[in-house]
C-alpha atoms as a PDB file:
ATOM      1  CA  MET A   1       3.141  15.825   9.497  1.00  0.00           C
ATOM      2  CA  PHE A   2       2.308  17.497   6.187  1.00  0.00           C
ATOM      3  CA  GLY A   3      -0.140  20.388   6.223  1.00  0.00           C
ATOM      4  CA  ALA A   4      -1.581  22.416   9.076  1.00  0.00           C
ATOM      5  CA  THR A   5      -5.305  22.592   8.389  1.00  0.00           C
ATOM      6  CA  GLY A   6      -8.177  20.442   7.205  1.00  0.00           C
ATOM      7  CA  PRO A   7      -9.313  16.911   7.985  1.00  0.00           C
ATOM      8  CA  HIS A   8      -6.734  14.365   9.004  1.00  0.00           C
ATOM      9  CA  VAL A   9      -5.433  11.848   6.445  1.00  0.00           C
ATOM     10  CA  VAL A  10      -3.060   8.975   7.346  1.00  0.00           C
ATOM     11  CA  VAL A  11      -0.910   7.748   4.433  1.00  0.00           C
ATOM     12  CA  LEU A  12       0.558   4.224   4.753  1.00  0.00           C
ATOM     13  CA  HIS A  13       3.614   3.057   2.910  1.00  0.00           C
ATOM     14  CA  GLY A  14       4.057  -0.324   1.357  1.00  0.00           C
ATOM     15  CA  GLY A  15       6.671  -3.018   1.605  1.00  0.00           C
ATOM     16  CA  PRO A  16       6.291  -3.913   4.418  1.00  0.00           C
ATOM     17  CA  GLY A  17       9.533  -2.245   5.336  1.00  0.00           C
ATOM     18  CA  ALA A  18       9.643   0.673   2.892  1.00  0.00           C
ATOM     19  CA  PRO A  19       9.204   3.873   4.966  1.00  0.00           C
ATOM     20  CA  GLY A  20       9.204   7.143   3.070  1.00  0.00           C
ATOM     21  CA  GLU A  21       7.787   5.610  -0.066  1.00  0.00           C
ATOM     22  CA  VAL A  22       4.527   7.548   0.002  1.00  0.00           C
ATOM     23  CA  ALA A  23       5.947  10.964   0.978  1.00  0.00           C
ATOM     24  CA  PRO A  24       5.072  12.418  -2.500  1.00  0.00           C
ATOM     25  CA  VAL A  25       1.394  11.474  -1.925  1.00  0.00           C
ATOM     26  CA  ALA A  26       1.442  13.058   1.548  1.00  0.00           C
ATOM     27  CA  GLU A  27       2.978  16.271   0.108  1.00  0.00           C
ATOM     28  CA  GLN A  28       0.403  16.621  -2.616  1.00  0.00           C
ATOM     29  CA  LEU A  29      -2.464  16.430  -0.086  1.00  0.00           C
ATOM     30  CA  ALA A  30      -0.914  18.886   2.411  1.00  0.00           C
ATOM     31  CA  ASP A  31      -2.637  22.033   1.114  1.00  0.00           C
ATOM     32  CA  LYS A  32      -6.118  20.753   2.036  1.00  0.00           C
ATOM     33  CA  PHE A  33      -5.471  18.106   4.713  1.00  0.00           C
ATOM     34  CA  GLN A  34      -3.365  17.421   7.809  1.00  0.00           C
ATOM     35  CA  VAL A  35      -1.454  14.408   6.572  1.00  0.00           C
ATOM     36  CA  LEU A  36       0.364  11.875   8.741  1.00  0.00           C
ATOM     37  CA  GLU A  37       2.885   9.545   7.200  1.00  0.00           C
ATOM     38  CA  PRO A  38       3.754   7.100   9.977  1.00  0.00           C
ATOM     39  CA  TRP A  39       6.794   4.890   9.420  1.00  0.00           C
ATOM     40  CA  GLN A  40       5.854   1.351  10.334  1.00  0.00           C
ATOM     41  CA  ARG A  41       7.794  -0.501  13.013  1.00  0.00           C
ATOM     42  CA  ALA A  42      11.118  -2.001  11.977  1.00  0.00           C
ATOM     43  CA  SER A  43      12.159  -5.558  12.758  1.00  0.00           C
ATOM     44  CA  GLY A  44      13.514  -6.118  16.237  1.00  0.00           C
ATOM     45  CA  ALA A  45      13.591  -8.605  19.121  1.00  0.00           C
ATOM     46  CA  GLU A  46      10.129 -10.001  18.488  1.00  0.00           C
ATOM     47  CA  PRO A  47       8.799 -11.092  15.090  1.00  0.00           C
ATOM     48  CA  LEU A  48       6.496  -8.571  13.464  1.00  0.00           C
ATOM     49  CA  THR A  49       2.829  -9.372  13.032  1.00  0.00           C
ATOM     50  CA  VAL A  50      -0.148  -7.744  11.343  1.00  0.00           C
ATOM     51  CA  ALA A  51      -1.612  -7.276  14.845  1.00  0.00           C
ATOM     52  CA  CYS A  52       1.549  -5.348  15.886  1.00  0.00           C
ATOM     53  CA  HIS A  53       1.188  -2.989  12.900  1.00  0.00           C
ATOM     54  CA  ILE A  54      -2.503  -2.454  13.679  1.00  0.00           C
ATOM     55  CA  ALA A  55      -1.700  -1.559  17.259  1.00  0.00           C
ATOM     56  CA  ASP A  56       0.975   0.835  16.252  1.00  0.00           C
ATOM     57  CA  LEU A  57      -1.349   2.576  13.810  1.00  0.00           C
ATOM     58  CA  HIS A  58      -4.031   2.784  16.421  1.00  0.00           C
ATOM     59  CA  ASP A  59      -1.624   4.549  18.788  1.00  0.00           C
ATOM     60  CA  VAL A  60      -0.867   7.114  16.088  1.00  0.00           C
ATOM     61  CA  ILE A  61      -4.502   7.765  15.272  1.00  0.00           C
ATOM     62  CA  VAL A  62      -5.659   8.057  18.923  1.00  0.00           C
ATOM     63  CA  SER A  63      -2.706  10.334  19.834  1.00  0.00           C
ATOM     64  CA  ARG A  64      -2.645  12.580  16.732  1.00  0.00           C
ATOM     65  CA  CYS A  65      -6.221  12.715  15.477  1.00  0.00           C
ATOM     66  CA  GLY A  66      -8.212  13.235  18.653  1.00  0.00           C
ATOM     67  CA  ASP A  67     -11.887  12.153  18.236  1.00  0.00           C
ATOM     68  CA  GLU A  68     -11.640  12.501  14.463  1.00  0.00           C
ATOM     69  CA  LYS A  69     -11.987   9.361  12.282  1.00  0.00           C
ATOM     70  CA  PRO A  70      -9.155  10.033   9.755  1.00  0.00           C
ATOM     71  CA  ALA A  71      -9.194   9.028   6.152  1.00  0.00           C
ATOM     72  CA  ILE A  72      -6.596   6.265   5.579  1.00  0.00           C
ATOM     73  CA  VAL A  73      -4.747   6.097   2.284  1.00  0.00           C
ATOM     74  CA  GLY A  74      -2.601   2.949   1.828  1.00  0.00           C
ATOM     75  CA  SER A  75      -0.295   1.868  -0.940  1.00  0.00           C
ATOM     76  CA  SER A  76       0.225  -1.810  -1.738  1.00  0.00           C
ATOM     77  CA  TRP A  77       0.813  -3.496   1.623  1.00  0.00           C
ATOM     78  CA  GLY A  78      -0.300  -0.199   3.182  1.00  0.00           C
ATOM     79  CA  ALA A  79      -3.704  -0.719   1.554  1.00  0.00           C
ATOM     80  CA  MET A  80      -3.922  -4.135   3.150  1.00  0.00           C
ATOM     81  CA  LEU A  81      -3.001  -2.639   6.492  1.00  0.00           C
ATOM     82  CA  ALA A  82      -5.677   0.057   6.133  1.00  0.00           C
ATOM     83  CA  LEU A  83      -8.317  -2.652   5.648  1.00  0.00           C
ATOM     84  CA  ALA A  84      -6.963  -4.706   8.548  1.00  0.00           C
ATOM     85  CA  TYR A  85      -7.023  -1.610  10.833  1.00  0.00           C
ATOM     86  CA  ALA A  86     -10.539  -0.677   9.794  1.00  0.00           C
ATOM     87  CA  ALA A  87     -11.786  -4.174  10.483  1.00  0.00           C
ATOM     88  CA  GLU A  88     -10.204  -4.141  13.952  1.00  0.00           C
ATOM     89  CA  HIS A  89     -11.209  -0.564  14.751  1.00  0.00           C
ATOM     90  CA  PRO A  90     -14.231   0.309  12.662  1.00  0.00           C
ATOM     91  CA  ASP A  91     -15.143   3.130  15.067  1.00  0.00           C
ATOM     92  CA  ARG A  92     -11.842   4.937  14.425  1.00  0.00           C
ATOM     93  CA  ALA A  93     -11.414   4.513  10.668  1.00  0.00           C
ATOM     94  CA  GLY A  94     -12.752   7.027   8.242  1.00  0.00           C
ATOM     95  CA  PRO A  95     -12.791   6.710   4.438  1.00  0.00           C
ATOM     96  CA  LEU A  96     -10.292   4.207   2.979  1.00  0.00           C
ATOM     97  CA  VAL A  97      -8.277   4.568  -0.244  1.00  0.00           C
ATOM     98  CA  LEU A  98      -6.493   1.477  -1.522  1.00  0.00           C
ATOM     99  CA  ILE A  99      -3.701   2.246  -4.080  1.00  0.00           C
ATOM    100  CA  GLY A 100      -2.354  -0.829  -5.871  1.00  0.00           C
ATOM    101  CA  CYS A 101      -3.772  -3.104  -3.152  1.00  0.00           C
ATOM    102  CA  GLY A 102      -2.089  -6.430  -2.429  1.00  0.00           C
ATOM    103  CA  THR A 103      -3.645  -9.839  -2.912  1.00  0.00           C
ATOM    104  CA  PHE A 104      -6.041 -11.699  -0.546  1.00  0.00           C
ATOM    105  CA  ASP A 105      -6.266 -15.121  -2.213  1.00  0.00           C
ATOM    106  CA  LEU A 106      -4.182 -17.744  -3.993  1.00  0.00           C
ATOM    107  CA  LYS A 107      -5.801 -17.134  -7.413  1.00  0.00           C
ATOM    108  CA  ALA A 108      -4.887 -13.406  -7.526  1.00  0.00           C
ATOM    109  CA  ARG A 109      -1.437 -14.103  -6.080  1.00  0.00           C
ATOM    110  CA  SER A 110      -0.821 -16.686  -8.754  1.00  0.00           C
ATOM    111  CA  LYS A 111      -1.769 -14.216 -11.433  1.00  0.00           C
ATOM    112  CA  LEU A 112       0.544 -11.650  -9.875  1.00  0.00           C
ATOM    113  CA  GLN A 113       3.476 -14.061  -9.901  1.00  0.00           C
ATOM    114  CA  SER A 114       2.883 -15.202 -13.497  1.00  0.00           C
ATOM    115  CA  THR A 115       2.633 -11.579 -14.732  1.00  0.00           C
ATOM    116  CA  ILE A 116       5.922 -10.714 -13.049  1.00  0.00           C
ATOM    117  CA  ALA A 117       7.576 -13.813 -14.468  1.00  0.00           C
ATOM    118  CA  SER A 118       6.367 -12.935 -17.998  1.00  0.00           C
ATOM    119  CA  ARG A 119       8.042  -9.502 -17.779  1.00  0.00           C
ATOM    120  CA  ILE A 120      11.469 -10.692 -16.653  1.00  0.00           C
ATOM    121  CA  ASP A 121      13.742 -11.172 -19.631  1.00  0.00           C
ATOM    122  CA  ALA A 122      16.960 -13.194 -19.625  1.00  0.00           C
ATOM    123  CA  GLY A 123      19.148 -10.184 -18.884  1.00  0.00           C
ATOM    124  CA  LEU A 124      17.099  -9.096 -15.886  1.00  0.00           C
ATOM    125  CA  LYS A 125      16.856 -12.701 -14.651  1.00  0.00           C
ATOM    126  CA  GLU A 126      20.645 -13.011 -14.717  1.00  0.00           C
ATOM    127  CA  LYS A 127      21.034  -9.784 -12.659  1.00  0.00           C
ATOM    128  CA  LEU A 128      18.448 -10.905 -10.143  1.00  0.00           C
ATOM    129  CA  ASP A 129      19.984 -14.363  -9.791  1.00  0.00           C
ATOM    130  CA  SER A 130      23.432 -12.906  -9.064  1.00  0.00           C
ATOM    131  CA  LEU A 131      22.186 -10.786  -6.125  1.00  0.00           C
ATOM    132  CA  GLN A 132      22.291 -13.626  -3.632  1.00  0.00           C
ATOM    133  CA  THR A 133      26.017 -14.010  -3.955  1.00  0.00           C
ATOM    134  CA  ALA A 134      26.907 -10.487  -4.946  1.00  0.00           C
ATOM    135  CA  ILE A 135      25.276  -8.680  -1.977  1.00  0.00           C
ATOM    136  CA  ALA A 136      25.521 -10.200   1.508  1.00  0.00           C
ATOM    137  CA  ASP A 137      23.398  -7.614   3.367  1.00  0.00           C
ATOM    138  CA  PRO A 138      19.737  -8.581   3.059  1.00  0.00           C
ATOM    139  CA  ASP A 139      18.434  -5.021   3.251  1.00  0.00           C
ATOM    140  CA  LEU A 140      20.769  -3.763   0.512  1.00  0.00           C
ATOM    141  CA  ARG A 141      19.960  -6.862  -1.586  1.00  0.00           C
ATOM    142  CA  LEU A 142      16.212  -6.196  -1.340  1.00  0.00           C
ATOM    143  CA  LYS A 143      16.715  -2.539  -2.182  1.00  0.00           C
ATOM    144  CA  THR A 144      18.816  -3.412  -5.248  1.00  0.00           C
ATOM    145  CA  MET A 145      16.230  -6.018  -6.282  1.00  0.00           C
ATOM    146  CA  ALA A 146      13.423  -3.481  -6.038  1.00  0.00           C
ATOM    147  CA  GLU A 147      15.384  -1.010  -8.248  1.00  0.00           C
ATOM    148  CA  LEU A 148      16.022  -3.725 -10.871  1.00  0.00           C
ATOM    149  CA  MET A 149      12.344  -4.735 -10.827  1.00  0.00           C
ATOM    150  CA  SER A 150      11.048  -1.175 -11.260  1.00  0.00           C
ATOM    151  CA  PRO A 151      10.309  -1.627 -14.971  1.00  0.00           C
ATOM    152  CA  VAL A 152       8.247  -4.675 -14.181  1.00  0.00           C
ATOM    153  CA  TYR A 153       5.915  -2.584 -11.932  1.00  0.00           C
ATOM    154  CA  SER A 154       5.785   0.649 -13.809  1.00  0.00           C
ATOM    155  CA  TYR A 155       4.403   1.666 -17.294  1.00  0.00           C
ATOM    156  CA  ASP A 156       6.040   5.027 -17.991  1.00  0.00           C
ATOM    157  CA  PRO A 157       7.531   6.330 -14.782  1.00  0.00           C
ATOM    158  CA  LEU A 158       8.686   9.842 -14.067  1.00  0.00           C
ATOM    159  CA  PRO A 159      12.086  10.319 -12.396  1.00  0.00           C
ATOM    160  CA  ASP A 160      11.621   9.603  -8.740  1.00  0.00           C
ATOM    161  CA  ASP A 161      12.834  12.391  -6.452  1.00  0.00           C
ATOM    162  CA  HIS A 162      12.081  10.401  -3.342  1.00  0.00           C
ATOM    163  CA  SER A 163      13.672   7.256  -2.033  1.00  0.00           C
ATOM    164  CA  VAL A 164      12.758   4.777   0.610  1.00  0.00           C
ATOM    165  CA  ALA A 165      14.446   5.813   3.894  1.00  0.00           C
ATOM    166  CA  ALA A 166      15.599   2.382   4.884  1.00  0.00           C
ATOM    167  CA  VAL A 167      14.615  -0.988   3.428  1.00  0.00           C
ATOM    168  CA  ASP A 168      13.983  -3.643   6.076  1.00  0.00           C
ATOM    169  CA  ALA A 169      14.004  -7.089   4.521  1.00  0.00           C
ATOM    170  CA  ARG A 170      13.281  -8.890   7.803  1.00  0.00           C
ATOM    171  CA  ALA A 171      10.258  -6.645   8.486  1.00  0.00           C
ATOM    172  CA  MET A 172       8.869  -7.462   5.059  1.00  0.00           C
ATOM    173  CA  GLU A 173       9.360 -11.207   5.514  1.00  0.00           C
ATOM    174  CA  GLU A 174       7.944 -11.462   8.987  1.00  0.00           C
ATOM    175  CA  THR A 175       4.938  -9.257   8.304  1.00  0.00           C
ATOM    176  CA  TRP A 176       4.069 -10.888   5.007  1.00  0.00           C
ATOM    177  CA  ASP A 177       4.407 -14.370   6.475  1.00  0.00           C
ATOM    178  CA  ASP A 178       1.866 -13.392   9.107  1.00  0.00           C
ATOM    179  CA  MET A 179      -0.503 -11.929   6.576  1.00  0.00           C
ATOM    180  CA  LEU A 180      -0.342 -15.158   4.566  1.00  0.00           C
ATOM    181  CA  ARG A 181      -1.045 -17.144   7.708  1.00  0.00           C
ATOM    182  CA  LEU A 182      -4.100 -15.049   8.466  1.00  0.00           C
ATOM    183  CA  GLN A 183      -5.362 -15.483   4.908  1.00  0.00           C
ATOM    184  CA  ALA A 184      -4.864 -19.233   5.053  1.00  0.00           C
ATOM    185  CA  GLU A 185      -6.786 -19.369   8.324  1.00  0.00           C
ATOM    186  CA  GLY A 186      -9.716 -17.529   6.660  1.00  0.00           C
ATOM    187  CA  VAL A 187      -9.398 -14.305   8.696  1.00  0.00           C
ATOM    188  CA  TYR A 188      -8.785 -12.087   5.757  1.00  0.00           C
ATOM    189  CA  PRO A 189     -10.675 -10.921   3.753  1.00  0.00           C
ATOM    190  CA  LYS A 190     -13.708 -12.255   5.749  1.00  0.00           C
ATOM    191  CA  VAL A 191     -13.426  -9.844   8.654  1.00  0.00           C
ATOM    192  CA  PHE A 192     -13.589  -6.873   6.267  1.00  0.00           C
ATOM    193  CA  SER A 193     -17.404  -7.250   6.421  1.00  0.00           C
ATOM    194  CA  THR A 194     -17.278  -5.257   9.675  1.00  0.00           C
ATOM    195  CA  ILE A 195     -16.047  -2.152   7.783  1.00  0.00           C
ATOM    196  CA  SER A 196     -18.720   0.431   7.129  1.00  0.00           C
ATOM    197  CA  SER A 197     -16.373   3.168   5.903  1.00  0.00           C
ATOM    198  CA  PRO A 198     -16.537   4.212   2.210  1.00  0.00           C
ATOM    199  CA  VAL A 199     -13.758   2.513   0.281  1.00  0.00           C
ATOM    200  CA  LEU A 200     -12.048   3.582  -2.990  1.00  0.00           C
ATOM    201  CA  MET A 201      -9.703   1.290  -4.868  1.00  0.00           C
ATOM    202  CA  LEU A 202      -7.304   2.988  -7.310  1.00  0.00           C
ATOM    203  CA  HIS A 203      -5.364   0.688  -9.637  1.00  0.00           C
ATOM    204  CA  GLY A 204      -3.215   0.648 -12.721  1.00  0.00           C
ATOM    205  CA  ALA A 205      -3.996  -1.856 -15.446  1.00  0.00           C
ATOM    206  CA  TYR A 206      -0.294  -2.425 -15.933  1.00  0.00           C
ATOM    207  CA  ASP A 207       0.190  -3.189 -12.268  1.00  0.00           C
ATOM    208  CA  PRO A 208       1.126  -6.872 -12.025  1.00  0.00           C
ATOM    209  CA  HIS A 209      -1.244  -7.016  -9.051  1.00  0.00           C
ATOM    210  CA  PRO A 210      -4.473  -8.019 -10.812  1.00  0.00           C
ATOM    211  CA  GLY A 211      -6.791  -5.189  -9.824  1.00  0.00           C
ATOM    212  CA  ARG A 212     -10.110  -6.592 -10.897  1.00  0.00           C
ATOM    213  CA  MET A 213      -9.364 -10.021  -9.393  1.00  0.00           C
ATOM    214  CA  ILE A 214      -8.491  -8.295  -6.078  1.00  0.00           C
ATOM    215  CA  LEU A 215     -11.679  -6.237  -6.374  1.00  0.00           C
ATOM    216  CA  ALA A 216     -13.661  -9.452  -6.882  1.00  0.00           C
ATOM    217  CA  SER A 217     -12.142 -11.000  -3.728  1.00  0.00           C
ATOM    218  CA  LEU A 218     -13.074  -7.915  -1.682  1.00  0.00           C
ATOM    219  CA  LYS A 219     -16.497  -7.115  -3.053  1.00  0.00           C
ATOM    220  CA  PRO A 220     -18.437  -9.780  -1.178  1.00  0.00           C
ATOM    221  CA  TYR A 221     -17.213  -8.290   2.153  1.00  0.00           C
ATOM    222  CA  LEU A 222     -17.083  -4.655   1.037  1.00  0.00           C
ATOM    223  CA  PRO A 223     -20.164  -4.057  -1.164  1.00  0.00           C
ATOM    224  CA  GLN A 224     -19.570  -0.280  -0.905  1.00  0.00           C
ATOM    225  CA  ILE A 225     -16.203  -0.449  -2.594  1.00  0.00           C
ATOM    226  CA  GLU A 226     -15.618   1.814  -5.596  1.00  0.00           C
ATOM    227  CA  TYR A 227     -13.039   1.061  -8.273  1.00  0.00           C
ATOM    228  CA  ARG A 228     -11.071   3.235 -10.643  1.00  0.00           C
ATOM    229  CA  GLU A 229      -8.473   1.862 -13.028  1.00  0.00           C
ATOM    230  CA  TRP A 230      -6.102   3.589 -15.511  1.00  0.00           C
ATOM    231  CA  LYS A 231      -4.793   1.766 -18.571  1.00  0.00           C
ATOM    232  CA  ARG A 232      -1.335   3.194 -18.899  1.00  0.00           C
ATOM    233  CA  CYS A 233      -0.491   2.879 -15.193  1.00  0.00           C
ATOM    234  CA  GLY A 234       1.552   0.622 -13.003  1.00  0.00           C
ATOM    235  CA  HIS A 235       1.817  -0.005  -9.295  1.00  0.00           C
ATOM    236  CA  TYR A 236       2.599   3.568  -8.298  1.00  0.00           C
ATOM    237  CA  PRO A 237       0.147   5.947 -10.010  1.00  0.00           C
ATOM    238  CA  TRP A 238       1.813   9.126  -8.600  1.00  0.00           C
ATOM    239  CA  ARG A 239       4.997   8.150 -10.487  1.00  0.00           C
ATOM    240  CA  GLU A 240       3.294   7.568 -13.835  1.00  0.00           C
ATOM    241  CA  ARG A 241       3.866  10.271 -16.480  1.00  0.00           C
ATOM    242  CA  GLY A 242       0.445   9.932 -18.101  1.00  0.00           C
ATOM    243  CA  VAL A 243      -1.634   9.409 -14.970  1.00  0.00           C
ATOM    244  CA  ARG A 244      -0.086  11.386 -12.166  1.00  0.00           C
ATOM    245  CA  GLU A 245      -2.257  14.532 -12.465  1.00  0.00           C
ATOM    246  CA  GLN A 246      -5.487  12.648 -12.956  1.00  0.00           C
ATOM    247  CA  PHE A 247      -4.603  10.315 -10.058  1.00  0.00           C
ATOM    248  CA  PHE A 248      -4.126  13.212  -7.653  1.00  0.00           C
ATOM    249  CA  LYS A 249      -7.322  14.955  -8.921  1.00  0.00           C
ATOM    250  CA  VAL A 250      -9.407  11.804  -8.291  1.00  0.00           C
ATOM    251  CA  LEU A 251      -7.764  11.269  -4.918  1.00  0.00           C
ATOM    252  CA  ARG A 252      -8.175  14.821  -3.673  1.00  0.00           C
ATOM    253  CA  GLU A 253     -11.761  15.162  -4.869  1.00  0.00           C
ATOM    254  CA  TRP A 254     -12.841  11.852  -3.395  1.00  0.00           C
ATOM    255  CA  LEU A 255     -11.215  12.601  -0.002  1.00  0.00           C
ATOM    256  CA  ALA A 256     -12.737  16.099   0.035  1.00  0.00           C
ATOM    257  CA  SER A 257     -16.199  14.689  -0.614  1.00  0.00           C
ATOM    258  CA  HIS A 258     -15.896  12.010   2.117  1.00  0.00           C
ATOM    259  CA  THR A 259     -14.257  13.998   4.894  1.00  0.00           C
ATOM    260  CA  SER A 260     -15.115  17.135   6.870  1.00  0.00           C
ATOM    261  CA  ALA A 261     -13.061  19.444   9.036  1.00  0.00           C
END
């Protein structure tokens, strides 16, 4: 928990399997809000599913937020989880903020993959290709790959004082496989039409996730969605030198105007 007074805000990390990633966002909101930063379930005996993550998030909101409908701020996969939760529990979800939201259709995902490929030079490709044989542990291998890929996702990043607590490669694979299955079956984004909460999408133009294509895929089901994009900004706006202050200003003001104590 960050902060002791104000409306509740739940901040969801990405990955899946990257707990601790959004701690800087939670800390910056703590002066005006009571911020929860739940770490999503790690891999275990049973395969992880989107439904499992939704149920876990519901337990947190019911147990920690009382009758309040908290704002939910999600980054990347966390933004997708925020939407999935709000569709399943529209009576418990408050305003939603989607930061660097993931893709919900093949067209946007193809654009994401082609953008990433275009930014990987020969030197980086060689390093990435060597990981499979150089690092046996899948969690460490994924963590190392993410570190190598940082320039692909960021425009002008500040030094990062926070690190992911524990990368979980299996959690990412199982959860993402289930999300892709649900998309293929037509569940997402169609069920988002049940969401009545206000929705704000914050995106960097340099983010390989194609913001405006993702917006277009969501707009038919979320006509209330608002969109804000920054030119010199990648996947993590709070880490971007030229955008960080403006990002937090927009986030704080929007949350303040859409929540009440």
